[in-house]
Amino acid sequence: MPTTRPQIAIVDDDEAMREAIKGLMRSVGFDAEAFSSADDFLRSPDLRRTTCLVTDIHMPGMSGLELHHRLLSMGENIPTVVMTAHPNQNAHLRGWGPDIVGYLAKPFGEQDLLNCIRSALPRGDVGENFNQKRDP
């Protein structure tokens, strides 16, 4: 019986960041899809297959936290890693809630992101190259 690889969704209006995270996720054995906006992700046919969401807090239109809360209101409890280039204590405190598994200030190390994602996945459900050391 074939196993399904975890699906990681990346939502960030910064194309370079989005593509870098997508590449990292694929390099460690995850399926990954990237979206430039929360609305694009909400329209995705793979939304229900998403194992973990990585989203920027500050985006035009719907923020990453608003996206997380919208998903909760839809009954979609997707473990979420939030990231921001503008960290402050208020955003940090507002950001924590059901299923928020990580809060990362940009720039962050690859291993920090991978650790957050590992905490979101069921035990043993990691990418095939996941445990390879990525950061010095």
Protein backbone atom coordinates (compact mmCIF):
# COMPACT_ATOMS: atom_id res chain seq x y z
CA MET A 1 0.00 0.00 0.00
CA PRO A 2 1.64 3.29 -1.06
CA THR A 3 2.15 5.92 1.59
CA THR A 4 1.12 9.51 1.08
CA ARG A 5 3.76 12.13 1.69
CA PRO A 6 2.83 15.05 3.93
CA GLN A 7 1.48 18.05 2.02
CA ILE A 8 2.95 21.38 3.13
CA ALA A 9 1.24 24.58 1.94
CA ILE A 10 3.24 27.81 1.87
CA VAL A 11 1.31 31.10 1.75
CA ASP A 12 3.45 34.23 1.39
CA ASP A 13 3.21 37.26 -0.87
CA ASP A 14 7.05 37.29 -1.14
CA GLU A 15 7.78 35.09 -4.16
CA ALA A 16 11.44 34.46 -3.27
CA MET A 17 10.54 33.31 0.26
CA ARG A 18 7.64 31.20 -1.01
CA GLU A 19 9.78 29.40 -3.58
CA ALA A 20 12.70 28.92 -1.16
CA ILE A 21 10.46 27.23 1.41
CA LYS A 22 8.78 25.16 -1.29
CA GLY A 23 12.20 23.98 -2.50
CA LEU A 24 13.29 23.13 1.05
CA MET A 25 10.11 21.15 1.70
CA ARG A 26 10.54 19.15 -1.49
CA SER A 27 14.24 18.56 -0.76
CA VAL A 28 13.35 16.79 2.49
CA GLY A 29 10.67 14.64 0.88
CA PHE A 30 7.41 16.52 1.38
CA ASP A 31 4.86 17.45 -1.23
CA ALA A 32 4.69 21.25 -1.25
CA GLU A 33 2.48 23.84 -2.88
CA ALA A 34 3.00 27.59 -2.74
CA PHE A 35 0.36 30.31 -2.87
CA SER A 36 0.77 34.08 -3.19
CA SER A 37 -2.34 34.87 -1.13
CA ALA A 38 -4.65 33.41 1.48
CA ASP A 39 -7.53 33.52 -1.00
CA ASP A 40 -5.54 31.42 -3.50
CA PHE A 41 -4.92 28.81 -0.83
CA LEU A 42 -8.58 28.77 0.24
CA ARG A 43 -9.56 28.06 -3.40
CA SER A 44 -7.06 25.19 -3.68
CA PRO A 45 -8.50 21.76 -4.42
CA ASP A 46 -5.76 20.30 -2.17
CA LEU A 47 -6.71 22.33 0.92
CA ARG A 48 -8.12 19.29 2.74
CA ARG A 49 -4.95 17.29 2.00
CA THR A 50 -2.73 19.91 3.65
CA THR A 51 -0.80 18.46 6.58
CA CYS A 52 0.86 21.71 7.67
CA LEU A 53 0.49 25.36 6.67
CA VAL A 54 3.40 27.81 6.64
CA THR A 55 2.14 31.38 6.29
CA ASP A 56 3.37 34.93 6.56
CA ILE A 57 1.51 37.06 9.08
CA HIS A 58 1.61 40.31 7.07
CA MET A 59 0.16 40.00 3.56
CA PRO A 60 -2.12 42.19 1.47
CA GLY A 61 -5.76 41.23 1.85
CA MET A 62 -6.14 38.44 4.38
CA SER A 63 -3.27 38.08 6.86
CA GLY A 64 -1.79 34.73 7.82
CA LEU A 65 -3.53 34.84 11.20
CA GLU A 66 -6.85 35.71 9.57
CA LEU A 67 -6.30 32.75 7.25
CA HIS A 68 -5.67 30.47 10.21
CA HIS A 69 -8.84 31.67 11.95
CA ARG A 70 -10.86 31.30 8.73
CA LEU A 71 -9.68 27.70 8.43
CA LEU A 72 -10.72 27.03 12.03
CA SER A 73 -14.18 28.50 11.35
CA MET A 74 -14.46 26.12 8.36
CA GLY A 75 -13.61 23.17 10.61
CA GLU A 76 -10.14 22.77 9.11
CA ASN A 77 -7.66 22.31 11.97
CA ILE A 78 -4.39 22.54 10.06
CA PRO A 79 -1.21 22.85 12.14
CA THR A 80 0.23 26.25 11.22
CA VAL A 81 3.65 27.89 11.33
CA VAL A 82 3.42 31.69 11.20
CA MET A 83 6.35 33.82 10.11
CA THR A 84 6.97 37.54 9.97
CA ALA A 85 9.59 40.04 8.92
CA HIS A 86 8.16 42.47 11.50
CA PRO A 87 8.19 40.66 14.84
CA ASN A 88 6.81 42.38 17.89
CA GLN A 89 5.37 41.19 21.17
CA ASN A 90 1.76 42.01 20.26
CA ALA A 91 1.82 40.01 17.04
CA HIS A 92 3.48 37.17 18.89
CA LEU A 93 0.78 37.09 21.58
CA ARG A 94 -2.08 37.43 19.08
CA GLY A 95 -0.58 34.73 16.91
CA TRP A 96 -0.80 31.86 19.33
CA GLY A 97 -3.98 29.90 19.23
CA PRO A 98 -5.33 26.49 18.34
CA ASP A 99 -2.97 24.61 16.03
CA ILE A 100 -0.26 27.32 15.85
CA VAL A 101 2.84 25.13 16.05
CA GLY A 102 5.49 27.76 15.48
CA TYR A 103 6.26 31.46 15.26
CA LEU A 104 9.34 32.44 13.26
CA ALA A 105 10.91 35.86 12.75
CA LYS A 106 12.45 36.33 9.29
CA PRO A 107 15.18 35.56 8.56
CA PHE A 108 15.13 32.17 10.23
CA GLY A 109 17.20 29.04 9.82
CA GLU A 110 16.00 26.10 7.77
CA GLN A 111 16.33 23.81 10.78
CA ASP A 112 14.05 26.08 12.85
CA LEU A 113 11.32 25.76 10.22
CA LEU A 114 11.84 22.02 9.88
CA ASN A 115 11.60 21.61 13.66
CA CYS A 116 8.26 23.45 13.70
CA ILE A 117 6.93 21.26 10.90
CA ARG A 118 8.18 18.10 12.61
CA SER A 119 6.18 19.06 15.71
CA ALA A 120 3.05 19.35 13.53
CA LEU A 121 3.27 15.94 11.90
CA PRO A 122 2.07 12.64 13.29
CA ARG A 123 4.95 10.63 14.74
CA GLY A 124 6.91 8.93 11.97
CA ASP A 125 5.22 10.95 9.20
CA VAL A 126 8.27 12.85 7.98
CA GLY A 127 9.88 13.35 4.61
CA GLU A 128 12.41 10.81 3.44
CA ASN A 129 15.37 13.23 3.85
CA PHE A 130 13.88 15.10 6.80
CA ASN A 131 16.47 14.13 9.40
CA GLN A 132 19.44 15.23 7.31
CA LYS A 133 21.17 18.15 8.97
CA ARG A 134 20.44 21.33 6.97
CA ASP A 135 21.94 24.18 9.04
CA PRO A 136 25.38 24.33 10.64
